[in-house]
Amino acid sequence: MAVTQPRRNRRKLTHEPGFWGFLFICPWLIGFLCFTAAPMLTSLWLSFQKYDLVSIKYVGVENYRRLFFEDPLFWKALKNTIFYAVVSVPMGITCSLAIALLLNQNVRGQKIYRTCFYLPSLVPAVAASLVWQWVFNADNGVLNTMLRMVGITGPQWLQDERATPWAFAIMSLWGVGGARMVIFLAGLQGISDSYYEAARIDGANAWQCFRAVTLPLLSPVMFFNLILGIIGSFQIFTSAYVMTGGGPNHASLYYALYLFQNAFEYFKLGKASAMAWVLFAILLVLTMIQFRTSKKWVYYEGGDK
């Protein structure tokens, strides 16, 4: 009896629906706890420490106080990142939507065009940064050469602190044919033709169909891309690290780059951890604001705003 009872209990357990579900999510759950949750909690703990890989000392909120009141580069990096987000996100969403509208047309070679527009997004970030470094070359770069052909003298894109932020904003257009464009394309293909037929019967032209049918029904996709775009823009790092290293005069010192410098160049891991949690708080607030305001402009088919 003592031998068969555990076997019966084991058999009963394996027949429970929740047992197999829990068993299948265990690999992901273990990975999440080990590689996401544990590092996050560790960084939160480190944000209250003064840690330089040699010694560690509890300092409370001193890291946060110094960031806000004693570190002008923190505010400079945050300002640069906000400018990049404000300029690059609207440009990227607009261009991605425009490309998706073009690629949604039923023309010969449609798949080839879609592939050609998507391929640049597969180029590694370091390689793309090196290409753009040549494009922005003030003397013999592609961009300034084209400007000279129409009688315009191009600026020192990566050497002039006034032009550098715009150079990185222009460079952000490199990925407009990537995942964001594919998401827009999927959204466009999910809109039923019956809406356009009804609009044309009422006498709507192409622009009126776009404004009254396409944009409202595509607003959930735009909302999704807007959230991801803002989060991604606050994480710009590779291009600035490879092309300028934060210069000139800290004009391209973005938040993620300054965080990296504090952690792995200055070995101020406590300060870097505090910066990471400040960034988390900023993105959390921005995302909550977007969800709150989305009720006024996001429309869901078959439902309310």
C-alpha atoms as a PDB file:
ATOM      1  CA  MET A   1       0.000   0.000   0.000  1.00  0.00           C
ATOM      2  CA  ALA A   2       2.873   2.370   0.843  1.00  0.00           C
ATOM      3  CA  VAL A   3       4.417   1.691  -2.566  1.00  0.00           C
ATOM      4  CA  THR A   4       1.342   2.074  -4.761  1.00  0.00           C
ATOM      5  CA  GLN A   5       0.002   5.238  -3.095  1.00  0.00           C
ATOM      6  CA  PRO A   6       2.801   7.570  -4.357  1.00  0.00           C
ATOM      7  CA  ARG A   7       2.425   6.066  -7.835  1.00  0.00           C
ATOM      8  CA  ARG A   8      -1.305   6.780  -7.801  1.00  0.00           C
ATOM      9  CA  ASN A   9      -0.667  10.318  -6.640  1.00  0.00           C
ATOM     10  CA  ARG A  10       1.955  10.761  -9.348  1.00  0.00           C
ATOM     11  CA  ARG A  11      -0.430   9.425 -11.985  1.00  0.00           C
ATOM     12  CA  LYS A  12      -3.174  11.726 -10.753  1.00  0.00           C
ATOM     13  CA  LEU A  13      -0.806  14.700 -10.874  1.00  0.00           C
ATOM     14  CA  THR A  14       0.271  14.031 -14.466  1.00  0.00           C
ATOM     15  CA  HIS A  15      -3.381  13.938 -15.539  1.00  0.00           C
ATOM     16  CA  GLU A  16      -3.992  17.446 -14.194  1.00  0.00           C
ATOM     17  CA  PRO A  17      -4.311  19.959 -17.102  1.00  0.00           C
ATOM     18  CA  GLY A  18      -2.189  22.548 -15.315  1.00  0.00           C
ATOM     19  CA  PHE A  19       0.719  20.147 -14.801  1.00  0.00           C
ATOM     20  CA  TRP A  20       1.651  19.878 -18.490  1.00  0.00           C
ATOM     21  CA  GLY A  21       1.142  23.576 -19.065  1.00  0.00           C
ATOM     22  CA  PHE A  22       3.495  24.400 -16.215  1.00  0.00           C
ATOM     23  CA  LEU A  23       5.986  21.796 -17.457  1.00  0.00           C
ATOM     24  CA  PHE A  24       6.113  23.309 -20.945  1.00  0.00           C
ATOM     25  CA  ILE A  25       6.601  26.881 -19.704  1.00  0.00           C
ATOM     26  CA  CYS A  26       9.325  25.863 -17.253  1.00  0.00           C
ATOM     27  CA  PRO A  27      12.244  26.442 -19.715  1.00  0.00           C
ATOM     28  CA  TRP A  28      11.025  29.971 -20.454  1.00  0.00           C
ATOM     29  CA  LEU A  29      10.257  30.604 -16.784  1.00  0.00           C
ATOM     30  CA  ILE A  30      13.721  29.494 -15.695  1.00  0.00           C
ATOM     31  CA  GLY A  31      15.338  31.619 -18.415  1.00  0.00           C
ATOM     32  CA  PHE A  32      13.249  34.644 -17.417  1.00  0.00           C
ATOM     33  CA  LEU A  33      14.115  34.305 -13.736  1.00  0.00           C
ATOM     34  CA  CYS A  34      17.845  33.730 -14.375  1.00  0.00           C
ATOM     35  CA  PHE A  35      18.504  36.147 -17.238  1.00  0.00           C
ATOM     36  CA  THR A  36      15.870  38.886 -16.819  1.00  0.00           C
ATOM     37  CA  ALA A  37      14.358  39.098 -13.345  1.00  0.00           C
ATOM     38  CA  ALA A  38      17.579  38.376 -11.415  1.00  0.00           C
ATOM     39  CA  PRO A  39      19.712  40.939 -13.342  1.00  0.00           C
ATOM     40  CA  MET A  40      16.945  43.552 -12.967  1.00  0.00           C
ATOM     41  CA  LEU A  41      16.765  43.065  -9.193  1.00  0.00           C
ATOM     42  CA  THR A  42      20.559  43.096  -8.996  1.00  0.00           C
ATOM     43  CA  SER A  43      20.751  46.380 -10.911  1.00  0.00           C
ATOM     44  CA  LEU A  44      18.101  47.870  -8.591  1.00  0.00           C
ATOM     45  CA  TRP A  45      20.214  46.853  -5.603  1.00  0.00           C
ATOM     46  CA  LEU A  46      23.376  48.225  -7.230  1.00  0.00           C
ATOM     47  CA  SER A  47      21.684  51.576  -7.880  1.00  0.00           C
ATOM     48  CA  PHE A  48      21.851  52.199  -4.125  1.00  0.00           C
ATOM     49  CA  GLN A  49      25.523  51.214  -3.909  1.00  0.00           C
ATOM     50  CA  LYS A  50      28.820  52.839  -4.791  1.00  0.00           C
ATOM     51  CA  TYR A  51      30.421  50.016  -6.775  1.00  0.00           C
ATOM     52  CA  ASP A  52      33.581  50.171  -8.899  1.00  0.00           C
ATOM     53  CA  LEU A  53      34.363  46.424  -9.278  1.00  0.00           C
ATOM     54  CA  VAL A  54      36.832  46.710  -6.372  1.00  0.00           C
ATOM     55  CA  SER A  55      34.780  47.929  -3.438  1.00  0.00           C
ATOM     56  CA  ILE A  56      31.098  48.264  -2.725  1.00  0.00           C
ATOM     57  CA  LYS A  57      29.414  50.628  -0.278  1.00  0.00           C
ATOM     58  CA  TYR A  58      25.779  51.422   0.446  1.00  0.00           C
ATOM     59  CA  VAL A  59      25.028  55.085  -0.332  1.00  0.00           C
ATOM     60  CA  GLY A  60      21.240  55.115  -0.469  1.00  0.00           C
ATOM     61  CA  VAL A  61      19.791  57.534  -3.027  1.00  0.00           C
ATOM     62  CA  GLU A  62      23.120  59.351  -3.469  1.00  0.00           C
ATOM     63  CA  ASN A  63      23.531  58.029  -7.032  1.00  0.00           C
ATOM     64  CA  TYR A  64      20.143  59.445  -8.008  1.00  0.00           C
ATOM     65  CA  ARG A  65      20.804  62.771  -6.270  1.00  0.00           C
ATOM     66  CA  ARG A  66      24.107  63.220  -8.105  1.00  0.00           C
ATOM     67  CA  LEU A  67      22.493  62.375 -11.420  1.00  0.00           C
ATOM     68  CA  PHE A  68      19.789  64.999 -11.050  1.00  0.00           C
ATOM     69  CA  PHE A  69      21.724  67.780  -9.311  1.00  0.00           C
ATOM     70  CA  GLU A  70      25.462  67.342  -9.957  1.00  0.00           C
ATOM     71  CA  ASP A  71      25.860  65.778 -13.400  1.00  0.00           C
ATOM     72  CA  PRO A  72      25.295  68.162 -16.343  1.00  0.00           C
ATOM     73  CA  LEU A  73      26.154  65.391 -18.814  1.00  0.00           C
ATOM     74  CA  PHE A  74      23.157  63.409 -17.592  1.00  0.00           C
ATOM     75  CA  TRP A  75      20.826  66.220 -18.649  1.00  0.00           C
ATOM     76  CA  LYS A  76      22.780  66.727 -21.872  1.00  0.00           C
ATOM     77  CA  ALA A  77      22.416  63.039 -22.765  1.00  0.00           C
ATOM     78  CA  LEU A  78      18.715  63.087 -21.889  1.00  0.00           C
ATOM     79  CA  LYS A  79      18.148  66.229 -23.965  1.00  0.00           C
ATOM     80  CA  ASN A  80      19.967  64.711 -26.981  1.00  0.00           C
ATOM     81  CA  THR A  81      17.905  61.532 -26.690  1.00  0.00           C
ATOM     82  CA  ILE A  82      14.600  63.403 -26.440  1.00  0.00           C
ATOM     83  CA  PHE A  83      15.487  65.454 -29.526  1.00  0.00           C
ATOM     84  CA  TYR A  84      16.350  62.266 -31.415  1.00  0.00           C
ATOM     85  CA  ALA A  85      13.054  60.657 -30.381  1.00  0.00           C
ATOM     86  CA  VAL A  86      10.959  63.723 -31.264  1.00  0.00           C
ATOM     87  CA  VAL A  87      12.502  63.969 -34.742  1.00  0.00           C
ATOM     88  CA  SER A  88      13.156  60.345 -35.722  1.00  0.00           C
ATOM     89  CA  VAL A  89       9.955  58.654 -34.511  1.00  0.00           C
ATOM     90  CA  PRO A  90       7.462  60.772 -36.550  1.00  0.00           C
ATOM     91  CA  MET A  91       9.746  60.631 -39.606  1.00  0.00           C
ATOM     92  CA  GLY A  92      10.162  56.878 -39.276  1.00  0.00           C
ATOM     93  CA  ILE A  93       6.451  56.152 -38.833  1.00  0.00           C
ATOM     94  CA  THR A  94       5.498  58.420 -41.742  1.00  0.00           C
ATOM     95  CA  CYS A  95       8.080  56.927 -44.126  1.00  0.00           C
ATOM     96  CA  SER A  96       7.307  53.350 -43.066  1.00  0.00           C
ATOM     97  CA  LEU A  97       3.598  53.923 -43.670  1.00  0.00           C
ATOM     98  CA  ALA A  98       4.299  55.519 -47.058  1.00  0.00           C
ATOM     99  CA  ILE A  99       6.455  52.571 -48.143  1.00  0.00           C
ATOM    100  CA  ALA A 100       3.844  50.094 -46.883  1.00  0.00           C
ATOM    101  CA  LEU A 101       1.147  51.879 -48.910  1.00  0.00           C
ATOM    102  CA  LEU A 102       3.300  51.630 -52.037  1.00  0.00           C
ATOM    103  CA  LEU A 103       4.145  47.969 -51.460  1.00  0.00           C
ATOM    104  CA  ASN A 104       0.489  47.165 -50.842  1.00  0.00           C
ATOM    105  CA  GLN A 105      -0.327  47.942 -54.483  1.00  0.00           C
ATOM    106  CA  ASN A 106      -1.052  44.967 -56.714  1.00  0.00           C
ATOM    107  CA  VAL A 107       1.748  45.385 -59.270  1.00  0.00           C
ATOM    108  CA  ARG A 108       4.093  43.037 -61.087  1.00  0.00           C
ATOM    109  CA  GLY A 109       7.224  42.202 -59.068  1.00  0.00           C
ATOM    110  CA  GLN A 110       5.548  43.057 -55.781  1.00  0.00           C
ATOM    111  CA  LYS A 111       7.511  40.444 -53.806  1.00  0.00           C
ATOM    112  CA  ILE A 112      10.821  41.635 -55.256  1.00  0.00           C
ATOM    113  CA  TYR A 113      10.093  45.233 -54.243  1.00  0.00           C
ATOM    114  CA  ARG A 114       9.156  44.148 -50.727  1.00  0.00           C
ATOM    115  CA  THR A 115      12.379  42.182 -50.404  1.00  0.00           C
ATOM    116  CA  CYS A 116      14.498  45.086 -51.659  1.00  0.00           C
ATOM    117  CA  PHE A 117      12.983  47.496 -49.136  1.00  0.00           C
ATOM    118  CA  TYR A 118      13.352  45.014 -46.277  1.00  0.00           C
ATOM    119  CA  LEU A 119      16.962  43.967 -46.944  1.00  0.00           C
ATOM    120  CA  PRO A 120      18.672  47.128 -45.531  1.00  0.00           C
ATOM    121  CA  SER A 121      17.176  46.426 -42.097  1.00  0.00           C
ATOM    122  CA  LEU A 122      19.103  43.130 -42.010  1.00  0.00           C
ATOM    123  CA  VAL A 123      22.490  44.862 -42.229  1.00  0.00           C
ATOM    124  CA  PRO A 124      24.305  44.701 -38.852  1.00  0.00           C
ATOM    125  CA  ALA A 125      24.241  47.988 -36.946  1.00  0.00           C
ATOM    126  CA  VAL A 126      28.039  48.349 -36.898  1.00  0.00           C
ATOM    127  CA  ALA A 127      28.317  47.843 -40.666  1.00  0.00           C
ATOM    128  CA  ALA A 128      25.483  50.309 -41.287  1.00  0.00           C
ATOM    129  CA  SER A 129      27.191  52.858 -39.028  1.00  0.00           C
ATOM    130  CA  LEU A 130      30.428  52.578 -41.013  1.00  0.00           C
ATOM    131  CA  VAL A 131      28.520  53.084 -44.274  1.00  0.00           C
ATOM    132  CA  TRP A 132      26.749  56.162 -42.919  1.00  0.00           C
ATOM    133  CA  GLN A 133      30.030  57.518 -41.591  1.00  0.00           C
ATOM    134  CA  TRP A 134      31.200  57.570 -45.208  1.00  0.00           C
ATOM    135  CA  VAL A 135      27.881  59.036 -46.402  1.00  0.00           C
ATOM    136  CA  PHE A 136      28.246  61.931 -43.946  1.00  0.00           C
ATOM    137  CA  ASN A 137      31.892  62.595 -44.803  1.00  0.00           C
ATOM    138  CA  ALA A 138      32.146  66.363 -45.259  1.00  0.00           C
ATOM    139  CA  ASP A 139      34.696  66.268 -48.104  1.00  0.00           C
ATOM    140  CA  ASN A 140      33.806  63.338 -50.365  1.00  0.00           C
ATOM    141  CA  GLY A 141      30.703  61.818 -48.765  1.00  0.00           C
ATOM    142  CA  VAL A 142      27.694  60.885 -50.888  1.00  0.00           C
ATOM    143  CA  LEU A 143      25.337  63.360 -49.205  1.00  0.00           C
ATOM    144  CA  ASN A 144      27.533  66.456 -49.532  1.00  0.00           C
ATOM    145  CA  THR A 145      28.515  65.466 -53.076  1.00  0.00           C
ATOM    146  CA  MET A 146      24.840  65.375 -54.063  1.00  0.00           C
ATOM    147  CA  LEU A 147      24.244  68.718 -52.359  1.00  0.00           C
ATOM    148  CA  ARG A 148      27.167  70.285 -54.245  1.00  0.00           C
ATOM    149  CA  MET A 149      25.610  69.118 -57.518  1.00  0.00           C
ATOM    150  CA  VAL A 150      22.641  71.417 -56.855  1.00  0.00           C
ATOM    151  CA  GLY A 151      24.788  74.287 -55.602  1.00  0.00           C
ATOM    152  CA  ILE A 152      24.467  73.701 -51.846  1.00  0.00           C
ATOM    153  CA  THR A 153      27.445  73.482 -49.519  1.00  0.00           C
ATOM    154  CA  GLY A 154      26.771  70.696 -47.052  1.00  0.00           C
ATOM    155  CA  PRO A 155      27.656  71.033 -43.371  1.00  0.00           C
ATOM    156  CA  GLN A 156      30.284  69.134 -41.394  1.00  0.00           C
ATOM    157  CA  TRP A 157      27.755  66.494 -40.462  1.00  0.00           C
ATOM    158  CA  LEU A 158      29.755  64.634 -37.819  1.00  0.00           C
ATOM    159  CA  GLN A 159      32.095  67.463 -36.820  1.00  0.00           C
ATOM    160  CA  ASP A 160      29.608  70.312 -36.288  1.00  0.00           C
ATOM    161  CA  GLU A 161      27.637  70.002 -33.042  1.00  0.00           C
ATOM    162  CA  ARG A 162      24.650  71.764 -34.644  1.00  0.00           C
ATOM    163  CA  ALA A 163      24.485  69.337 -37.593  1.00  0.00           C
ATOM    164  CA  THR A 164      25.328  66.108 -35.761  1.00  0.00           C
ATOM    165  CA  PRO A 165      21.885  65.584 -34.129  1.00  0.00           C
ATOM    166  CA  TRP A 166      20.226  65.981 -37.531  1.00  0.00           C
ATOM    167  CA  ALA A 167      22.692  63.526 -39.060  1.00  0.00           C
ATOM    168  CA  PHE A 168      21.632  60.819 -36.625  1.00  0.00           C
ATOM    169  CA  ALA A 169      17.966  61.654 -37.210  1.00  0.00           C
ATOM    170  CA  ILE A 170      18.495  61.228 -40.963  1.00  0.00           C
ATOM    171  CA  MET A 171      20.344  57.981 -40.362  1.00  0.00           C
ATOM    172  CA  SER A 172      17.336  56.619 -38.438  1.00  0.00           C
ATOM    173  CA  LEU A 173      15.495  56.430 -41.781  1.00  0.00           C
ATOM    174  CA  TRP A 174      17.806  53.531 -42.744  1.00  0.00           C
ATOM    175  CA  GLY A 175      15.466  51.070 -41.027  1.00  0.00           C
ATOM    176  CA  VAL A 176      12.096  52.382 -42.245  1.00  0.00           C
ATOM    177  CA  GLY A 177      11.696  49.385 -44.542  1.00  0.00           C
ATOM    178  CA  GLY A 178      12.170  46.898 -41.722  1.00  0.00           C
ATOM    179  CA  ALA A 179       9.835  45.442 -39.131  1.00  0.00           C
ATOM    180  CA  ARG A 180       7.804  48.637 -38.776  1.00  0.00           C
ATOM    181  CA  MET A 181       7.005  48.629 -42.487  1.00  0.00           C
ATOM    182  CA  VAL A 182       6.054  44.940 -42.370  1.00  0.00           C
ATOM    183  CA  ILE A 183       3.673  45.595 -39.461  1.00  0.00           C
ATOM    184  CA  PHE A 184       2.039  48.442 -41.377  1.00  0.00           C
ATOM    185  CA  LEU A 185       1.755  46.215 -44.442  1.00  0.00           C
ATOM    186  CA  ALA A 186       0.060  43.502 -42.389  1.00  0.00           C
ATOM    187  CA  GLY A 187      -2.339  46.096 -41.002  1.00  0.00           C
ATOM    188  CA  LEU A 188      -3.198  47.375 -44.478  1.00  0.00           C
ATOM    189  CA  GLN A 189      -3.911  43.875 -45.726  1.00  0.00           C
ATOM    190  CA  GLY A 190      -6.224  43.339 -42.770  1.00  0.00           C
ATOM    191  CA  ILE A 191      -8.544  46.161 -43.895  1.00  0.00           C
ATOM    192  CA  SER A 192     -11.503  44.782 -45.839  1.00  0.00           C
ATOM    193  CA  ASP A 193     -12.071  46.075 -49.375  1.00  0.00           C
ATOM    194  CA  SER A 194     -15.758  46.516 -48.555  1.00  0.00           C
ATOM    195  CA  TYR A 195     -14.939  49.703 -46.621  1.00  0.00           C
ATOM    196  CA  TYR A 196     -13.258  51.247 -49.656  1.00  0.00           C
ATOM    197  CA  GLU A 197     -16.093  50.147 -51.940  1.00  0.00           C
ATOM    198  CA  ALA A 198     -18.638  51.775 -49.648  1.00  0.00           C
ATOM    199  CA  ALA A 199     -16.576  54.987 -49.511  1.00  0.00           C
ATOM    200  CA  ARG A 200     -16.272  55.131 -53.319  1.00  0.00           C
ATOM    201  CA  ILE A 201     -20.018  54.631 -53.704  1.00  0.00           C
ATOM    202  CA  ASP A 202     -20.466  57.690 -51.476  1.00  0.00           C
ATOM    203  CA  GLY A 203     -18.186  59.641 -53.819  1.00  0.00           C
ATOM    204  CA  ALA A 204     -14.936  59.596 -51.815  1.00  0.00           C
ATOM    205  CA  ASN A 205     -11.668  60.126 -53.697  1.00  0.00           C
ATOM    206  CA  ALA A 206      -8.328  58.463 -52.918  1.00  0.00           C
ATOM    207  CA  TRP A 207      -7.297  61.019 -50.271  1.00  0.00           C
ATOM    208  CA  GLN A 208     -10.696  60.877 -48.564  1.00  0.00           C
ATOM    209  CA  CYS A 209     -10.530  57.069 -48.507  1.00  0.00           C
ATOM    210  CA  PHE A 210      -7.085  57.254 -46.914  1.00  0.00           C
ATOM    211  CA  ARG A 211      -8.139  59.838 -44.322  1.00  0.00           C
ATOM    212  CA  ALA A 212     -11.554  58.377 -43.443  1.00  0.00           C
ATOM    213  CA  VAL A 213     -10.936  54.637 -43.878  1.00  0.00           C
ATOM    214  CA  THR A 214      -7.248  53.713 -43.872  1.00  0.00           C
ATOM    215  CA  LEU A 215      -5.989  55.920 -41.040  1.00  0.00           C
ATOM    216  CA  PRO A 216      -8.765  55.101 -38.508  1.00  0.00           C
ATOM    217  CA  LEU A 217      -8.594  51.352 -39.167  1.00  0.00           C
ATOM    218  CA  LEU A 218      -4.789  51.458 -39.107  1.00  0.00           C
ATOM    219  CA  SER A 219      -4.635  53.469 -35.859  1.00  0.00           C
ATOM    220  CA  PRO A 220      -4.070  50.386 -33.601  1.00  0.00           C
ATOM    221  CA  VAL A 221      -1.050  49.459 -35.732  1.00  0.00           C
ATOM    222  CA  MET A 222       0.207  53.054 -35.601  1.00  0.00           C
ATOM    223  CA  PHE A 223      -0.228  53.018 -31.821  1.00  0.00           C
ATOM    224  CA  PHE A 224       1.822  49.823 -31.560  1.00  0.00           C
ATOM    225  CA  ASN A 225       4.587  51.207 -33.785  1.00  0.00           C
ATOM    226  CA  LEU A 226       4.576  54.489 -31.862  1.00  0.00           C
ATOM    227  CA  ILE A 227       5.208  52.741 -28.546  1.00  0.00           C
ATOM    228  CA  LEU A 228       7.992  50.563 -29.960  1.00  0.00           C
ATOM    229  CA  GLY A 229       9.466  53.536 -31.827  1.00  0.00           C
ATOM    230  CA  ILE A 230       9.750  55.707 -28.722  1.00  0.00           C
ATOM    231  CA  ILE A 231      11.232  52.877 -26.663  1.00  0.00           C
ATOM    232  CA  GLY A 232      13.726  52.096 -29.445  1.00  0.00           C
ATOM    233  CA  SER A 233      14.705  55.755 -29.901  1.00  0.00           C
ATOM    234  CA  PHE A 234      15.637  56.043 -26.222  1.00  0.00           C
ATOM    235  CA  GLN A 235      17.974  53.075 -26.683  1.00  0.00           C
ATOM    236  CA  ILE A 236      20.098  54.492 -29.523  1.00  0.00           C
ATOM    237  CA  PHE A 237      23.674  53.408 -28.881  1.00  0.00           C
ATOM    238  CA  THR A 238      25.582  51.581 -31.620  1.00  0.00           C
ATOM    239  CA  SER A 239      25.653  54.315 -34.264  1.00  0.00           C
ATOM    240  CA  ALA A 240      26.787  57.011 -31.814  1.00  0.00           C
ATOM    241  CA  TYR A 241      29.401  54.704 -30.278  1.00  0.00           C
ATOM    242  CA  VAL A 242      30.883  53.734 -33.649  1.00  0.00           C
ATOM    243  CA  MET A 243      30.609  57.026 -35.545  1.00  0.00           C
ATOM    244  CA  THR A 244      31.324  59.785 -33.036  1.00  0.00           C
ATOM    245  CA  GLY A 245      31.829  58.309 -29.572  1.00  0.00           C
ATOM    246  CA  GLY A 246      29.479  60.962 -28.205  1.00  0.00           C
ATOM    247  CA  GLY A 247      31.115  63.984 -29.870  1.00  0.00           C
ATOM    248  CA  PRO A 248      31.523  66.627 -31.027  1.00  0.00           C
ATOM    249  CA  ASN A 249      31.188  68.497 -27.737  1.00  0.00           C
ATOM    250  CA  HIS A 250      28.772  65.794 -26.491  1.00  0.00           C
ATOM    251  CA  ALA A 251      26.317  66.563 -29.323  1.00  0.00           C
ATOM    252  CA  SER A 252      25.762  62.832 -29.898  1.00  0.00           C
ATOM    253  CA  LEU A 253      26.083  61.736 -26.286  1.00  0.00           C
ATOM    254  CA  TYR A 254      22.860  59.780 -26.040  1.00  0.00           C
ATOM    255  CA  TYR A 255      21.444  58.308 -22.855  1.00  0.00           C
ATOM    256  CA  ALA A 256      22.349  54.668 -23.538  1.00  0.00           C
ATOM    257  CA  LEU A 257      25.865  55.664 -24.615  1.00  0.00           C
ATOM    258  CA  TYR A 258      26.439  57.697 -21.452  1.00  0.00           C
ATOM    259  CA  LEU A 259      25.106  54.775 -19.380  1.00  0.00           C
ATOM    260  CA  PHE A 260      27.557  52.454 -21.138  1.00  0.00           C
ATOM    261  CA  GLN A 261      30.451  54.854 -20.510  1.00  0.00           C
ATOM    262  CA  ASN A 262      29.669  55.051 -16.799  1.00  0.00           C
ATOM    263  CA  ALA A 263      29.431  51.291 -16.494  1.00  0.00           C
ATOM    264  CA  PHE A 264      32.288  50.005 -18.667  1.00  0.00           C
ATOM    265  CA  GLU A 265      34.667  52.951 -19.125  1.00  0.00           C
ATOM    266  CA  TYR A 266      34.457  54.808 -15.797  1.00  0.00           C
ATOM    267  CA  PHE A 267      33.441  51.660 -13.828  1.00  0.00           C
ATOM    268  CA  LYS A 268      30.726  53.522 -11.928  1.00  0.00           C
ATOM    269  CA  LEU A 269      28.335  50.613 -11.897  1.00  0.00           C
ATOM    270  CA  GLY A 270      26.141  52.035  -9.149  1.00  0.00           C
ATOM    271  CA  LYS A 271      25.590  55.235 -11.108  1.00  0.00           C
ATOM    272  CA  ALA A 272      24.987  53.290 -14.335  1.00  0.00           C
ATOM    273  CA  SER A 273      22.380  51.126 -12.576  1.00  0.00           C
ATOM    274  CA  ALA A 274      20.639  54.260 -11.298  1.00  0.00           C
ATOM    275  CA  MET A 275      20.608  55.622 -14.866  1.00  0.00           C
ATOM    276  CA  ALA A 276      19.055  52.384 -16.088  1.00  0.00           C
ATOM    277  CA  TRP A 277      16.202  52.649 -13.590  1.00  0.00           C
ATOM    278  CA  VAL A 278      15.653  56.324 -14.387  1.00  0.00           C
ATOM    279  CA  LEU A 279      15.355  55.311 -18.053  1.00  0.00           C
ATOM    280  CA  PHE A 280      12.903  52.571 -17.090  1.00  0.00           C
ATOM    281  CA  ALA A 281      10.795  55.116 -15.186  1.00  0.00           C
ATOM    282  CA  ILE A 282      10.833  57.578 -18.106  1.00  0.00           C
ATOM    283  CA  LEU A 283       9.729  54.931 -20.612  1.00  0.00           C
ATOM    284  CA  LEU A 284       7.084  53.621 -18.226  1.00  0.00           C
ATOM    285  CA  VAL A 285       5.582  57.114 -17.807  1.00  0.00           C
ATOM    286  CA  LEU A 286       5.692  57.806 -21.557  1.00  0.00           C
ATOM    287  CA  THR A 287       4.013  54.469 -22.304  1.00  0.00           C
ATOM    288  CA  MET A 288       1.285  55.103 -19.720  1.00  0.00           C
ATOM    289  CA  ILE A 289       0.629  58.548 -21.236  1.00  0.00           C
ATOM    290  CA  GLN A 290       0.334  56.985 -24.674  1.00  0.00           C
ATOM    291  CA  PHE A 291      -2.151  54.395 -23.424  1.00  0.00           C
ATOM    292  CA  ARG A 292      -4.169  57.127 -21.717  1.00  0.00           C
ATOM    293  CA  THR A 293      -4.268  59.400 -24.780  1.00  0.00           C
ATOM    294  CA  SER A 294      -4.866  56.509 -27.195  1.00  0.00           C
ATOM    295  CA  LYS A 295      -8.548  56.472 -26.220  1.00  0.00           C
ATOM    296  CA  LYS A 296      -8.959  59.712 -28.182  1.00  0.00           C
ATOM    297  CA  TRP A 297      -7.453  58.599 -31.490  1.00  0.00           C
ATOM    298  CA  VAL A 298      -7.157  54.799 -31.662  1.00  0.00           C
ATOM    299  CA  TYR A 299     -10.155  53.052 -33.240  1.00  0.00           C
ATOM    300  CA  TYR A 300     -10.771  49.325 -33.037  1.00  0.00           C
ATOM    301  CA  GLU A 301     -12.890  47.688 -35.702  1.00  0.00           C
ATOM    302  CA  GLY A 302     -16.180  46.508 -34.261  1.00  0.00           C
ATOM    303  CA  GLY A 303     -15.611  48.301 -30.974  1.00  0.00           C
ATOM    304  CA  ASP A 304     -15.268  51.647 -29.287  1.00  0.00           C
ATOM    305  CA  LYS A 305     -12.339  54.032 -29.509  1.00  0.00           C
END
